[in-house]
């Protein structure tokens, strides 16, 4: 049994859904009428509601200049999209578009219905010029314009929510189940929808069209998809399962240049590359996981900024998100969730408030102390949607002005098996004293101009920072390790 499938029952309270019926509406791209799962007004509402949750979950990357740069390019592409053309109905023309840079190392981009578009800092670091960024943003705008999410929702079973997708890489941001812990069921399902290959191909076509109409070198988009293929291979070979609904990267490498040539034959000159300006925007961008926001090493989780630490049980995988740290065991039948409780002022009120939720039956609760810190804890049961009884342990500790809460749970039948693991984490919560860890800094990209003509590998720092591999750096520069780099070439090199 995979207990992660039961998370919504325990964590998400009062979620709101849309859909459940179909409606006849217009496709802004084709102009034709067809069946959709939502009206356009509902799509806008869905996107707006989910946007705030996604920001809360992943966080925005703290670089206003970079964010404005991405948004400006996105807005220019919207102006030539099917949502802004002369014969487009006003309800589409008047829909505002939003572009955001998320603070995630995962290489991804996706769009919400109603005009909300996202790229991660991980994706930006893998692009080499503005033309590639335009292609990616155009692809996501295409998903919104063609109403792919609403088309997909119309095919779902009554009441089932399936709203978005369109991730360039085909994976949600850290697709591991932990994302739904702090989201409504609606937003959680935004991250799990897969589009059909036809929808992905159409968005590729629209991405080329919109970027070509703004005179970008649309064929450059193929280079990025080559990078995606290399990332897939470096992470285990072949195309990930979640890419099954997406065109093969090799197909895109051929199709995108062909589409670009077709638009060139229609009179759209494609001369804009803007590599230097784009690269300057990447100077200093955080690359990979940011250890200041927490990291695991040798069975211990450290958070330098908040100055605390706690142990990670053996055989538990740790997933560090913006609003929660989640530990899941290998069998996926036990979960420990760690959060900051900003709603309560004491450990006792934190635990009592959680246990006071409808559907939870309290077994016991009491105060305790650990490592000179005062806390409160309780044990209770709750029912999963399929009737399985879950047993949970809630522990809250006050430290440095914050209330930190652990929620540990499994089935009632297995609770005693995992109880010692749960307790070890809670009792191991302590102040972080190690000065070396307190002072650790993230890896950032710096721009280096090649001073000589030589193989790319000769420009790599020795040693490499953190767990970064030589191939990782070659991929972000879209070159091979043994490829000859000409003097004067601008390179992205990670430094710590």
Protein backbone atom coordinates (compact mmCIF):
# COMPACT_ATOMS: atom_id res chain seq x y z
CA UNK A 1 0.00 0.00 0.00
CA UNK A 2 1.24 3.48 -0.89
CA UNK A 3 0.19 5.69 2.01
CA UNK A 4 0.90 8.83 -0.03
CA UNK A 5 -2.37 8.18 -1.85
CA UNK A 6 -4.14 8.81 1.45
CA UNK A 7 -2.54 12.18 2.16
CA UNK A 8 -5.48 14.30 1.02
CA UNK A 9 -7.80 12.75 3.59
CA UNK A 10 -5.55 13.68 6.47
CA UNK A 11 -4.03 16.98 5.49
CA UNK A 12 -6.30 18.84 3.10
CA UNK A 13 -9.42 20.23 4.70
CA UNK A 14 -12.24 21.96 2.84
CA UNK A 15 -10.78 21.87 -0.67
CA UNK A 16 -12.77 23.41 -3.50
CA UNK A 17 -13.28 21.82 -6.91
CA UNK A 18 -14.39 22.98 -10.32
CA UNK A 19 -15.90 21.16 -13.22
CA UNK A 20 -17.99 18.03 -13.18
CA UNK A 21 -19.94 19.06 -16.28
CA UNK A 22 -19.07 20.05 -19.82
CA UNK A 23 -19.76 23.21 -21.76
CA UNK A 24 -19.64 24.26 -25.41
CA UNK A 25 -17.08 26.98 -26.01
CA UNK A 26 -14.80 28.56 -28.59
CA UNK A 27 -11.21 27.58 -29.24
CA UNK A 28 -9.23 30.84 -29.59
CA UNK A 29 -6.65 29.15 -31.83
CA UNK A 30 -8.93 27.47 -34.35
CA UNK A 31 -11.99 29.62 -33.83
CA UNK A 32 -14.12 26.47 -33.76
CA UNK A 33 -16.68 25.45 -31.16
CA UNK A 34 -16.02 22.34 -29.09
CA UNK A 35 -16.74 20.76 -25.72
CA UNK A 36 -14.71 21.94 -22.70
CA UNK A 37 -14.68 20.99 -19.05
CA UNK A 38 -14.90 24.63 -17.96
CA UNK A 39 -16.07 27.97 -19.24
CA UNK A 40 -13.32 30.51 -19.93
CA UNK A 41 -14.40 32.42 -16.82
CA UNK A 42 -13.95 29.27 -14.73
CA UNK A 43 -10.50 28.71 -16.23
CA UNK A 44 -9.43 32.19 -15.13
CA UNK A 45 -10.83 31.58 -11.64
CA UNK A 46 -9.08 28.21 -11.37
CA UNK A 47 -5.75 29.68 -12.40
CA UNK A 48 -6.01 32.56 -9.97
CA UNK A 49 -6.82 30.32 -7.01
CA UNK A 50 -4.08 27.80 -7.77
CA UNK A 51 -1.47 30.52 -8.42
CA UNK A 52 -1.37 31.60 -4.79
CA UNK A 53 -0.95 28.01 -3.62
CA UNK A 54 1.87 27.31 -6.05
CA UNK A 55 3.69 30.47 -4.95
CA UNK A 56 3.27 29.41 -1.31
CA UNK A 57 4.52 25.90 -2.04
CA UNK A 58 7.56 26.63 -4.19
CA UNK A 59 8.33 30.28 -3.59
CA UNK A 60 9.28 32.96 -6.10
CA UNK A 61 12.92 33.38 -7.03
CA UNK A 62 14.21 36.53 -5.35
CA UNK A 63 15.53 38.45 -8.37
CA UNK A 64 13.21 41.25 -9.47
CA UNK A 65 15.28 42.14 -12.53
CA UNK A 66 15.24 38.56 -13.82
CA UNK A 67 11.53 38.19 -13.09
CA UNK A 68 10.71 41.41 -14.94
CA UNK A 69 12.86 40.30 -17.86
CA UNK A 70 11.01 36.99 -18.19
CA UNK A 71 7.65 38.71 -17.82
CA UNK A 72 8.45 41.30 -20.48
CA UNK A 73 9.33 38.64 -23.04
CA UNK A 74 6.22 36.67 -22.13
CA UNK A 75 3.94 39.69 -22.52
CA UNK A 76 5.43 40.47 -25.94
CA UNK A 77 4.64 36.94 -27.08
CA UNK A 78 1.09 37.17 -25.74
CA UNK A 79 0.53 40.20 -27.96
CA UNK A 80 1.05 38.09 -31.11
CA UNK A 81 -0.81 35.06 -29.77
CA UNK A 82 -4.28 33.98 -30.80
CA UNK A 83 -5.62 35.65 -27.65
CA UNK A 84 -4.83 39.14 -28.95
CA UNK A 85 -5.76 39.00 -32.63
CA UNK A 86 -8.23 41.25 -34.41
CA UNK A 87 -11.03 38.69 -34.63
CA UNK A 88 -10.52 37.32 -31.10
CA UNK A 89 -13.56 37.69 -28.80
CA UNK A 90 -13.15 40.32 -26.10
CA UNK A 91 -13.27 37.86 -23.19
CA UNK A 92 -10.02 36.33 -24.47
CA UNK A 93 -8.43 39.65 -25.36
CA UNK A 94 -9.10 41.04 -21.89
CA UNK A 95 -7.55 38.12 -20.01
CA UNK A 96 -4.38 39.21 -18.24
CA UNK A 97 -1.29 37.01 -18.39
CA UNK A 98 1.14 36.50 -15.52
CA UNK A 99 4.69 35.15 -15.76
CA UNK A 100 6.63 34.01 -12.71
CA UNK A 101 10.07 32.56 -11.93
CA UNK A 102 9.82 29.84 -9.29
CA UNK A 103 12.59 29.11 -6.82
CA UNK A 104 13.05 25.49 -7.87
CA UNK A 105 16.16 23.71 -9.20
CA UNK A 106 14.01 21.34 -11.27
CA UNK A 107 14.16 22.01 -15.02
CA UNK A 108 10.56 22.83 -15.82
CA UNK A 109 7.94 25.22 -17.14
CA UNK A 110 4.16 24.95 -16.99
CA UNK A 111 0.99 26.98 -17.33
CA UNK A 112 -2.27 27.27 -15.43
CA UNK A 113 -5.59 27.88 -17.16
CA UNK A 114 -6.48 31.51 -17.51
CA UNK A 115 -3.00 32.86 -18.22
CA UNK A 116 -0.65 31.96 -15.34
CA UNK A 117 2.77 30.83 -16.61
CA UNK A 118 5.81 29.59 -14.70
CA UNK A 119 9.46 28.85 -15.38
CA UNK A 120 11.90 27.61 -12.75
CA UNK A 121 15.37 28.95 -12.09
CA UNK A 122 16.50 25.43 -12.93
CA UNK A 123 15.09 25.76 -16.42
CA UNK A 124 16.56 29.22 -16.96
CA UNK A 125 20.04 27.97 -16.10
CA UNK A 126 19.74 25.39 -18.90
CA UNK A 127 18.88 27.94 -21.59
CA UNK A 128 21.56 29.70 -23.62
CA UNK A 129 19.80 32.66 -25.18
CA UNK A 130 16.62 34.71 -25.26
CA UNK A 131 15.35 32.94 -28.38
CA UNK A 132 15.21 29.64 -26.45
CA UNK A 133 13.36 31.32 -23.60
CA UNK A 134 10.86 32.78 -26.09
CA UNK A 135 10.20 29.32 -27.50
CA UNK A 136 9.57 27.88 -24.03
CA UNK A 137 7.23 30.72 -23.03
CA UNK A 138 5.46 30.54 -26.39
CA UNK A 139 4.86 26.83 -25.82
CA UNK A 140 3.19 27.53 -22.47
CA UNK A 141 1.13 30.41 -23.86
CA UNK A 142 0.02 27.94 -26.53
CA UNK A 143 -1.38 25.58 -23.89
CA UNK A 144 -3.46 28.42 -22.47
CA UNK A 145 -4.59 29.74 -25.86
CA UNK A 146 -5.62 26.31 -27.12
CA UNK A 147 -7.42 25.62 -23.82
CA UNK A 148 -5.73 22.23 -23.55
CA UNK A 149 -6.43 21.90 -19.83
CA UNK A 150 -10.13 22.47 -20.28
CA UNK A 151 -10.19 20.05 -23.22
CA UNK A 152 -8.57 17.41 -21.03
CA UNK A 153 -10.97 18.09 -18.18
CA UNK A 154 -13.93 17.47 -20.46
CA UNK A 155 -12.81 13.85 -20.87
CA UNK A 156 -12.51 13.17 -17.13
CA UNK A 157 -14.97 11.21 -15.05
CA UNK A 158 -17.69 13.34 -13.43
CA UNK A 159 -16.27 15.30 -10.48
CA UNK A 160 -12.65 14.40 -11.17
CA UNK A 161 -10.34 17.37 -11.35
CA UNK A 162 -7.77 17.48 -14.12
CA UNK A 163 -6.78 20.99 -14.91
CA UNK A 164 -3.28 21.60 -16.14
CA UNK A 165 -0.01 20.12 -17.20
CA UNK A 166 2.04 21.15 -20.14
CA UNK A 167 5.30 20.90 -18.30
CA UNK A 168 8.09 21.17 -20.82
CA UNK A 169 9.97 18.30 -19.23
CA UNK A 170 6.77 16.43 -18.50
CA UNK A 171 7.32 16.26 -14.76
CA UNK A 172 5.70 18.38 -12.12
CA UNK A 173 7.97 20.32 -9.82
CA UNK A 174 9.48 17.51 -7.82
CA UNK A 175 6.89 14.89 -8.78
CA UNK A 176 7.07 12.77 -5.66
CA UNK A 177 3.71 13.05 -3.95
CA UNK A 178 4.93 15.45 -1.30
CA UNK A 179 3.71 18.47 -3.24
CA UNK A 180 0.08 17.87 -2.34
CA UNK A 181 0.67 18.08 1.38
CA UNK A 182 0.06 21.81 1.53
CA UNK A 183 -2.30 22.19 -1.43
CA UNK A 184 -6.01 21.87 -2.04
CA UNK A 185 -7.06 18.80 -3.99
CA UNK A 186 -7.72 21.04 -6.98
CA UNK A 187 -4.20 22.47 -7.08
CA UNK A 188 -2.66 19.09 -6.31
CA UNK A 189 -4.23 17.68 -9.44
CA UNK A 190 -2.92 20.61 -11.44
CA UNK A 191 0.50 18.98 -11.07
CA UNK A 192 -0.49 15.51 -12.22
CA UNK A 193 -2.27 16.00 -15.55
CA UNK A 194 -0.55 14.76 -18.67
CA UNK A 195 -1.49 16.25 -22.02
CA UNK A 196 -1.83 14.16 -25.14
CA UNK A 197 1.01 14.09 -27.63
CA UNK A 198 -1.20 15.98 -30.08
CA UNK A 199 -1.69 18.78 -27.54
CA UNK A 200 2.05 18.94 -26.91
CA UNK A 201 2.77 19.04 -30.62
CA UNK A 202 0.24 21.84 -31.07
CA UNK A 203 1.91 23.84 -28.29
CA UNK A 204 5.28 23.30 -29.96
CA UNK A 205 3.80 24.64 -33.19
CA UNK A 206 2.33 27.65 -31.40
CA UNK A 207 5.59 28.29 -29.56
CA UNK A 208 7.42 28.43 -32.87
CA UNK A 209 4.72 30.61 -34.41
CA UNK A 210 4.66 33.18 -31.60
CA UNK A 211 8.44 33.43 -31.25
CA UNK A 212 8.91 33.64 -35.04
CA UNK A 213 6.33 36.43 -35.24
CA UNK A 214 8.48 38.37 -32.75
CA UNK A 215 11.50 37.70 -34.99
CA UNK A 216 13.24 35.29 -32.62
CA UNK A 217 15.35 32.47 -34.04
CA UNK A 218 12.66 29.91 -33.28
CA UNK A 219 14.80 26.97 -34.40
CA UNK A 220 16.93 27.56 -31.28
CA UNK A 221 14.20 25.85 -29.28
CA UNK A 222 15.47 22.54 -30.65
CA UNK A 223 18.75 23.01 -28.76
CA UNK A 224 16.90 23.16 -25.48
CA UNK A 225 15.01 19.95 -26.21
CA UNK A 226 18.35 18.31 -26.95
CA UNK A 227 19.37 19.36 -23.44
CA UNK A 228 16.23 17.74 -22.04
CA UNK A 229 17.15 14.49 -23.73
CA UNK A 230 20.63 14.66 -22.22
CA UNK A 231 19.19 15.36 -18.76
CA UNK A 232 16.93 12.32 -19.09
CA UNK A 233 19.84 10.12 -20.11
CA UNK A 234 22.07 11.40 -17.31
CA UNK A 235 19.37 10.57 -14.76
CA UNK A 236 19.11 6.92 -15.71
CA UNK A 237 18.74 6.66 -19.43
CA UNK A 238 15.75 6.82 -21.71
CA UNK A 239 12.69 9.00 -21.43
CA UNK A 240 11.02 9.21 -18.00
CA UNK A 241 7.61 7.58 -17.68
CA UNK A 242 5.98 10.97 -17.26
CA UNK A 243 7.28 11.97 -20.68
CA UNK A 244 5.19 9.25 -22.29
CA UNK A 245 2.58 11.75 -23.44
CA UNK A 246 5.15 14.15 -24.84
CA UNK A 247 6.78 14.03 -28.25
CA UNK A 248 10.20 12.39 -28.14
CA UNK A 249 12.94 15.04 -27.74
CA UNK A 250 14.55 13.66 -30.89
CA UNK A 251 11.33 14.34 -32.80
CA UNK A 252 11.25 17.90 -31.51
CA UNK A 253 14.86 18.46 -32.56
CA UNK A 254 13.75 17.81 -36.15
CA UNK A 255 10.27 19.31 -36.11
CA UNK A 256 11.02 22.68 -34.52
CA UNK A 257 13.61 23.79 -37.13
CA UNK A 258 11.24 22.65 -39.89
CA UNK A 259 8.41 24.72 -38.43
CA UNK A 260 10.74 27.69 -38.09
CA UNK A 261 11.66 27.45 -41.77
CA UNK A 262 7.98 27.41 -42.70
CA UNK A 263 7.40 30.68 -40.84
CA UNK A 264 10.49 32.16 -42.44
CA UNK A 265 9.05 31.32 -45.85
CA UNK A 266 5.94 33.26 -44.84
CA UNK A 267 8.06 36.40 -44.47
CA UNK A 268 8.92 36.35 -40.79
CA UNK A 269 12.62 37.08 -40.43
CA UNK A 270 14.09 35.28 -37.46
CA UNK A 271 17.19 37.22 -36.51
CA UNK A 272 16.95 37.75 -32.74
CA UNK A 273 19.15 35.51 -30.59
CA UNK A 274 20.15 37.87 -27.74
CA UNK A 275 22.62 35.51 -26.11
CA UNK A 276 24.69 38.15 -24.34
CA UNK A 277 21.76 39.91 -22.66
CA UNK A 278 20.25 36.60 -21.59
CA UNK A 279 23.53 35.31 -20.17
CA UNK A 280 24.03 38.53 -18.21
CA UNK A 281 20.63 37.92 -16.61
CA UNK A 282 21.89 34.54 -15.39
CA UNK A 283 24.97 35.98 -13.67
CA UNK A 284 24.70 34.96 -10.02
CA UNK A 285 21.60 32.77 -10.35
CA UNK A 286 21.44 29.97 -7.78
CA UNK A 287 22.24 26.61 -9.37
CA UNK A 288 20.91 23.37 -7.94
CA UNK A 289 19.59 23.02 -4.40
CA UNK A 290 20.15 26.03 -2.15
CA UNK A 291 21.69 24.70 1.11
CA UNK A 292 20.71 27.90 2.92
CA UNK A 293 17.11 26.66 2.65
CA UNK A 294 17.95 23.29 4.19
CA UNK A 295 19.85 20.18 3.14
CA UNK A 296 20.53 16.62 4.25
CA UNK A 297 23.98 15.24 4.98
CA UNK A 298 24.97 11.96 6.64
CA UNK A 299 21.53 11.28 8.10
CA UNK A 300 20.94 14.79 9.43
CA UNK A 301 18.81 17.64 8.05
CA UNK A 302 20.33 21.09 8.55
CA UNK A 303 18.73 24.50 8.03
CA UNK A 304 21.47 27.18 8.19
CA UNK A 305 19.16 30.17 7.87
CA UNK A 306 16.85 29.04 10.70
CA UNK A 307 19.72 27.47 12.67
CA UNK A 308 18.19 24.10 13.53
CA UNK A 309 18.82 20.44 12.77
CA UNK A 310 17.09 17.09 13.17
CA UNK A 311 17.92 13.48 12.21
CA UNK A 312 16.51 11.67 9.18
CA UNK A 313 15.62 8.04 9.91
CA UNK A 314 17.41 5.33 7.96
CA UNK A 315 15.52 4.24 4.81
CA UNK A 316 13.54 7.49 4.72
CA UNK A 317 13.77 9.77 1.69
CA UNK A 318 13.72 13.49 2.46
CA UNK A 319 11.90 15.96 0.21
CA UNK A 320 12.61 19.60 1.06
CA UNK A 321 9.90 21.99 -0.14
CA UNK A 322 9.39 25.69 0.53
CA UNK A 323 6.62 25.16 3.10
CA UNK A 324 7.37 21.66 4.36
CA UNK A 325 10.06 19.03 4.80
CA UNK A 326 8.67 15.57 4.15
CA UNK A 327 10.31 12.22 4.95
CA UNK A 328 8.88 9.09 3.31
CA UNK A 329 10.15 5.59 4.01
CA UNK A 330 11.25 3.24 1.25
CA UNK A 331 8.07 1.16 1.49
CA UNK A 332 6.07 4.40 1.26
CA UNK A 333 3.82 3.42 4.14
CA UNK A 334 5.04 5.96 6.74
CA UNK A 335 5.37 9.74 6.49
CA UNK A 336 6.89 12.47 8.65
CA UNK A 337 5.95 16.03 7.76
CA UNK A 338 7.76 19.03 9.27
CA UNK A 339 6.35 22.57 9.01
CA UNK A 340 6.38 25.97 10.67
CA UNK A 341 3.05 26.69 12.35
CA UNK A 342 2.41 30.40 11.83
CA UNK A 343 -1.16 30.24 13.15
CA UNK A 344 -0.46 29.33 16.78
CA UNK A 345 1.71 30.97 19.43
CA UNK A 346 2.58 27.97 21.63
CA UNK A 347 3.42 24.30 21.05
CA UNK A 348 0.35 23.27 23.03
CA UNK A 349 -2.07 25.38 20.98
CA UNK A 350 -0.43 24.08 17.78
CA UNK A 351 -1.04 20.46 18.70
CA UNK A 352 -4.50 21.05 20.15
CA UNK A 353 -5.61 22.99 17.08
CA UNK A 354 -4.49 20.21 14.74
CA UNK A 355 -6.06 17.46 16.84
CA UNK A 356 -9.26 19.47 17.06
CA UNK A 357 -9.99 19.03 13.36
CA UNK A 358 -13.11 17.11 12.39
CA UNK A 359 -12.49 13.42 11.82
CA UNK A 360 -9.58 13.11 14.24
CA UNK A 361 -9.98 11.03 17.42
CA UNK A 362 -7.56 11.94 20.24
CA UNK A 363 -5.89 9.13 22.17
CA UNK A 364 -3.51 11.13 24.38
CA UNK A 365 -1.69 14.46 24.63
CA UNK A 366 0.89 15.95 26.97
CA UNK A 367 3.78 18.36 27.36
CA UNK A 368 7.43 17.30 27.02
CA UNK A 369 10.94 18.73 26.61
CA UNK A 370 13.83 17.89 24.31
CA UNK A 371 17.33 19.39 24.15
CA UNK A 372 16.27 22.15 26.60
CA UNK A 373 13.33 23.06 24.33
CA UNK A 374 9.72 22.90 25.55
CA UNK A 375 7.10 21.17 23.47
CA UNK A 376 3.73 19.44 23.34
CA UNK A 377 2.63 16.24 21.66
CA UNK A 378 -0.40 14.08 21.01
CA UNK A 379 -1.44 10.80 19.42
CA UNK A 380 -4.68 10.29 17.52
CA UNK A 381 -6.40 8.33 14.76
CA UNK A 382 -8.12 9.38 11.54
CA UNK A 383 -9.95 7.58 8.77
CA UNK A 384 -8.67 7.47 5.21
CA UNK A 385 -11.11 7.76 2.31
CA UNK A 386 -10.97 4.00 1.73
CA UNK A 387 -11.79 3.28 5.36
CA UNK A 388 -8.24 2.48 6.49
CA UNK A 389 -7.53 3.72 10.01
CA UNK A 390 -4.44 5.93 10.22
CA UNK A 391 -2.60 6.60 13.46
CA UNK A 392 -0.72 9.85 13.83
CA UNK A 393 1.64 11.58 16.22
CA UNK A 394 1.74 15.39 16.35
CA UNK A 395 4.64 17.12 18.08
CA UNK A 396 5.28 20.87 18.31
CA UNK A 397 8.38 22.61 19.64
CA UNK A 398 9.05 26.30 20.29
CA UNK A 399 12.44 27.58 19.13
CA UNK A 400 13.82 31.03 18.30
CA UNK A 401 10.41 32.67 17.95
CA UNK A 402 8.88 29.95 15.75
CA UNK A 403 6.59 27.01 16.44
CA UNK A 404 7.82 23.92 14.59
CA UNK A 405 5.46 20.98 14.13
CA UNK A 406 6.10 17.34 13.21
CA UNK A 407 3.22 15.26 11.89
CA UNK A 408 4.11 11.56 11.69
CA UNK A 409 1.65 8.89 10.56
CA UNK A 410 1.09 5.43 9.15
CA UNK A 411 -1.68 2.86 9.42
CA UNK A 412 -2.78 1.98 12.95
CA UNK A 413 -1.55 -1.57 12.40
CA UNK A 414 1.98 -0.37 11.62
CA UNK A 415 2.25 2.53 14.05
CA UNK A 416 4.30 0.63 16.65
CA UNK A 417 6.71 -0.46 13.91
CA UNK A 418 7.56 3.13 13.03
CA UNK A 419 7.04 4.81 16.39
CA UNK A 420 10.75 4.76 17.31
CA UNK A 421 11.62 6.41 13.99
CA UNK A 422 9.00 9.10 14.59
CA UNK A 423 10.26 9.76 18.11
CA UNK A 424 13.92 9.90 17.05
CA UNK A 425 13.21 12.77 14.67
CA UNK A 426 11.18 14.80 17.16
CA UNK A 427 13.63 14.26 20.05
CA UNK A 428 16.55 15.03 17.76
CA UNK A 429 15.34 18.53 16.92
CA UNK A 430 18.01 20.90 18.22
CA UNK A 431 19.82 24.17 17.69
CA UNK A 432 22.47 24.13 14.95
CA UNK A 433 25.92 25.05 16.27
CA UNK A 434 28.32 23.86 13.54
CA UNK A 435 29.88 27.07 12.18
CA UNK A 436 30.89 25.47 8.91
CA UNK A 437 27.33 24.45 8.17
CA UNK A 438 25.93 27.76 9.45
CA UNK A 439 28.15 29.56 6.94
CA UNK A 440 27.51 27.35 3.91
CA UNK A 441 26.61 29.23 0.70
CA UNK A 442 24.69 28.17 -2.43
CA UNK A 443 26.31 27.39 -5.75
CA UNK A 444 25.79 30.22 -8.24
CA UNK A 445 26.48 30.58 -11.94
CA UNK A 446 29.22 32.96 -12.97
CA UNK A 447 30.01 33.98 -16.54
CA UNK A 448 33.46 33.16 -17.83
CA UNK A 449 34.80 34.23 -21.21
CA UNK A 450 37.10 31.57 -22.65
CA UNK A 451 40.61 33.02 -22.88
CA UNK A 452 41.84 30.30 -25.20
CA UNK A 453 40.61 27.71 -27.68
CA UNK A 454 40.48 24.42 -25.78
CA UNK A 455 38.21 21.49 -24.80
CA UNK A 456 35.27 22.48 -22.62
CA UNK A 457 36.42 20.18 -19.81
CA UNK A 458 39.55 22.29 -19.37
CA UNK A 459 37.44 25.24 -18.18
CA UNK A 460 35.85 23.37 -15.28
CA UNK A 461 36.83 24.25 -11.70
CA UNK A 462 38.68 21.66 -9.63
CA UNK A 463 37.21 20.56 -7.34
CA UNK A 464 33.61 20.97 -8.46
CA UNK A 465 31.24 22.45 -5.85
CA UNK A 466 28.86 20.24 -3.86
CA UNK A 467 27.71 17.17 -5.83
CA UNK A 468 27.79 18.77 -9.28
CA UNK A 469 29.21 16.56 -12.03
CA UNK A 470 31.20 17.67 -15.12
CA UNK A 471 28.38 16.49 -17.40
CA UNK A 472 25.90 18.72 -15.53
CA UNK A 473 27.97 21.77 -16.45
CA UNK A 474 28.35 20.65 -20.06
CA UNK A 475 24.58 20.24 -20.35
CA UNK A 476 23.77 23.73 -19.04
CA UNK A 477 26.19 25.13 -21.63
CA UNK A 478 24.70 22.91 -24.36
CA UNK A 479 28.11 21.47 -25.30
CA UNK A 480 29.95 18.15 -24.99
CA UNK A 481 32.72 17.70 -22.43
CA UNK A 482 35.32 17.12 -25.15
CA UNK A 483 33.96 19.81 -27.48
CA UNK A 484 36.43 22.49 -28.56
CA UNK A 485 35.47 25.90 -27.23
CA UNK A 486 36.63 28.90 -29.21
CA UNK A 487 38.40 31.76 -27.45
CA UNK A 488 35.92 34.51 -26.59
CA UNK A 489 33.00 32.14 -25.96
CA UNK A 490 30.89 32.98 -22.92
CA UNK A 491 30.43 30.03 -20.55
CA UNK A 492 28.30 29.41 -17.46
CA UNK A 493 30.42 28.00 -14.64
CA UNK A 494 29.05 27.10 -11.17
CA UNK A 495 31.02 28.41 -8.19
CA UNK A 496 30.47 28.27 -4.42
